[in-house]
Amino acid sequence: MAEALHIASLLVQVRPELFEAVKANLRRLDGFELHQESPLGKLVVVLEAEHERQILERIEQINALPGVLNAALVYHELLAAEGDTE
């Protein structure tokens, strides 16, 4: 039976002069996908994790990266475990 999967979308606002460095640091994170970016310093990212706690920890990690001004959760979905009817 597969585990439940949490999917979260974030808007990350970055200092434009550190844009490339922040993207490089973000790519080192597990369960991370960069979906859209603006050279003005905005990134749309998606995180996947087995537990909601991991999403919250990842948001804290992103907010702590040099050059990140804010990481805001804009969407969260829980995909039920395989065979789970609830």
C-alpha atoms as a PDB file:
ATOM      1  CA  MET A   1       0.000   0.000   0.000  1.00  0.00           C
ATOM      2  CA  ALA A   2       1.459   3.354  -1.036  1.00  0.00           C
ATOM      3  CA  GLU A   3       1.730   6.184   1.473  1.00  0.00           C
ATOM      4  CA  ALA A   4      -0.388   9.315   1.284  1.00  0.00           C
ATOM      5  CA  LEU A   5       1.266  12.156  -0.604  1.00  0.00           C
ATOM      6  CA  HIS A   6       1.178  15.839   0.309  1.00  0.00           C
ATOM      7  CA  ILE A   7       1.563  18.244  -2.596  1.00  0.00           C
ATOM      8  CA  ALA A   8       2.125  21.927  -1.910  1.00  0.00           C
ATOM      9  CA  SER A   9       2.649  24.925  -4.162  1.00  0.00           C
ATOM     10  CA  LEU A  10       4.621  27.935  -2.971  1.00  0.00           C
ATOM     11  CA  LEU A  11       5.319  31.422  -4.204  1.00  0.00           C
ATOM     12  CA  VAL A  12       8.896  32.310  -3.319  1.00  0.00           C
ATOM     13  CA  GLN A  13       9.972  35.938  -3.510  1.00  0.00           C
ATOM     14  CA  VAL A  14      13.719  36.411  -3.960  1.00  0.00           C
ATOM     15  CA  ARG A  15      16.146  39.322  -4.040  1.00  0.00           C
ATOM     16  CA  PRO A  16      16.705  39.729  -7.818  1.00  0.00           C
ATOM     17  CA  GLU A  17      20.489  40.061  -7.443  1.00  0.00           C
ATOM     18  CA  LEU A  18      20.586  36.622  -5.732  1.00  0.00           C
ATOM     19  CA  PHE A  19      18.059  34.961  -8.052  1.00  0.00           C
ATOM     20  CA  GLU A  20      20.419  32.396  -9.617  1.00  0.00           C
ATOM     21  CA  ALA A  21      22.038  31.496  -6.282  1.00  0.00           C
ATOM     22  CA  VAL A  22      18.643  30.915  -4.660  1.00  0.00           C
ATOM     23  CA  LYS A  23      17.517  28.723  -7.569  1.00  0.00           C
ATOM     24  CA  ALA A  24      20.708  26.665  -7.259  1.00  0.00           C
ATOM     25  CA  ASN A  25      20.106  26.191  -3.514  1.00  0.00           C
ATOM     26  CA  LEU A  26      16.462  25.262  -4.063  1.00  0.00           C
ATOM     27  CA  ARG A  27      17.400  22.582  -6.602  1.00  0.00           C
ATOM     28  CA  ARG A  28      19.335  20.783  -3.854  1.00  0.00           C
ATOM     29  CA  LEU A  29      16.129  20.119  -1.901  1.00  0.00           C
ATOM     30  CA  ASP A  30      14.419  16.734  -2.124  1.00  0.00           C
ATOM     31  CA  GLY A  31      10.885  16.614  -3.496  1.00  0.00           C
ATOM     32  CA  PHE A  32      11.223  20.047  -5.108  1.00  0.00           C
ATOM     33  CA  GLU A  33      10.173  21.191  -8.591  1.00  0.00           C
ATOM     34  CA  LEU A  34      10.571  24.673 -10.069  1.00  0.00           C
ATOM     35  CA  HIS A  35       7.570  25.412 -12.286  1.00  0.00           C
ATOM     36  CA  GLN A  36       7.699  29.116 -13.145  1.00  0.00           C
ATOM     37  CA  GLU A  37      10.092  31.979 -12.605  1.00  0.00           C
ATOM     38  CA  SER A  38      10.289  35.695 -13.148  1.00  0.00           C
ATOM     39  CA  PRO A  39      13.641  37.505 -13.289  1.00  0.00           C
ATOM     40  CA  LEU A  40      11.999  40.122 -11.081  1.00  0.00           C
ATOM     41  CA  GLY A  41      12.500  37.655  -8.225  1.00  0.00           C
ATOM     42  CA  LYS A  42       9.451  35.388  -8.102  1.00  0.00           C
ATOM     43  CA  LEU A  43       9.409  31.602  -8.259  1.00  0.00           C
ATOM     44  CA  VAL A  44       6.538  29.123  -8.279  1.00  0.00           C
ATOM     45  CA  VAL A  45       7.613  25.819  -6.784  1.00  0.00           C
ATOM     46  CA  VAL A  46       5.933  22.525  -5.952  1.00  0.00           C
ATOM     47  CA  LEU A  47       6.897  20.323  -3.030  1.00  0.00           C
ATOM     48  CA  GLU A  48       5.967  16.676  -2.496  1.00  0.00           C
ATOM     49  CA  ALA A  49       6.243  14.893   0.854  1.00  0.00           C
ATOM     50  CA  GLU A  50       4.775  11.973   2.763  1.00  0.00           C
ATOM     51  CA  HIS A  51       3.888  14.092   5.814  1.00  0.00           C
ATOM     52  CA  GLU A  52       2.510  17.605   6.236  1.00  0.00           C
ATOM     53  CA  ARG A  53       5.269  18.262   8.800  1.00  0.00           C
ATOM     54  CA  GLN A  54       7.854  17.814   6.006  1.00  0.00           C
ATOM     55  CA  ILE A  55       6.166  20.513   3.926  1.00  0.00           C
ATOM     56  CA  LEU A  56       6.276  22.921   6.871  1.00  0.00           C
ATOM     57  CA  GLU A  57       9.938  22.109   7.517  1.00  0.00           C
ATOM     58  CA  ARG A  58      10.760  22.675   3.849  1.00  0.00           C
ATOM     59  CA  ILE A  59       9.015  26.094   3.909  1.00  0.00           C
ATOM     60  CA  GLU A  60      11.123  27.038   6.940  1.00  0.00           C
ATOM     61  CA  GLN A  61      14.275  25.892   5.110  1.00  0.00           C
ATOM     62  CA  ILE A  62      13.383  27.938   2.047  1.00  0.00           C
ATOM     63  CA  ASN A  63      12.638  31.049   4.129  1.00  0.00           C
ATOM     64  CA  ALA A  64      16.059  30.676   5.778  1.00  0.00           C
ATOM     65  CA  LEU A  65      17.994  30.623   2.484  1.00  0.00           C
ATOM     66  CA  PRO A  66      20.126  33.716   1.795  1.00  0.00           C
ATOM     67  CA  GLY A  67      18.307  35.943  -0.680  1.00  0.00           C
ATOM     68  CA  VAL A  68      14.808  34.610   0.022  1.00  0.00           C
ATOM     69  CA  LEU A  69      12.426  37.355   1.129  1.00  0.00           C
ATOM     70  CA  ASN A  70       9.380  35.123   1.647  1.00  0.00           C
ATOM     71  CA  ALA A  71       8.040  31.662   0.844  1.00  0.00           C
ATOM     72  CA  ALA A  72       4.248  31.540   0.984  1.00  0.00           C
ATOM     73  CA  LEU A  73       2.048  28.460   0.757  1.00  0.00           C
ATOM     74  CA  VAL A  74      -0.630  28.984  -1.906  1.00  0.00           C
ATOM     75  CA  TYR A  75      -1.956  25.441  -2.366  1.00  0.00           C
ATOM     76  CA  HIS A  76      -1.935  22.160  -0.445  1.00  0.00           C
ATOM     77  CA  GLU A  77      -3.492  18.831  -1.367  1.00  0.00           C
ATOM     78  CA  LEU A  78      -3.408  15.435   0.291  1.00  0.00           C
ATOM     79  CA  LEU A  79      -3.601  12.505  -2.110  1.00  0.00           C
ATOM     80  CA  ALA A  80      -4.985   9.535  -0.209  1.00  0.00           C
ATOM     81  CA  ALA A  81      -2.963   6.373   0.155  1.00  0.00           C
ATOM     82  CA  GLU A  82      -3.632   3.696  -2.418  1.00  0.00           C
ATOM     83  CA  GLY A  83      -6.710   1.735  -1.362  1.00  0.00           C
ATOM     84  CA  ASP A  84      -7.819   4.448   1.107  1.00  0.00           C
ATOM     85  CA  THR A  85     -11.442   5.382   0.391  1.00  0.00           C
ATOM     86  CA  GLU A  86     -11.581   8.461   2.614  1.00  0.00           C
END
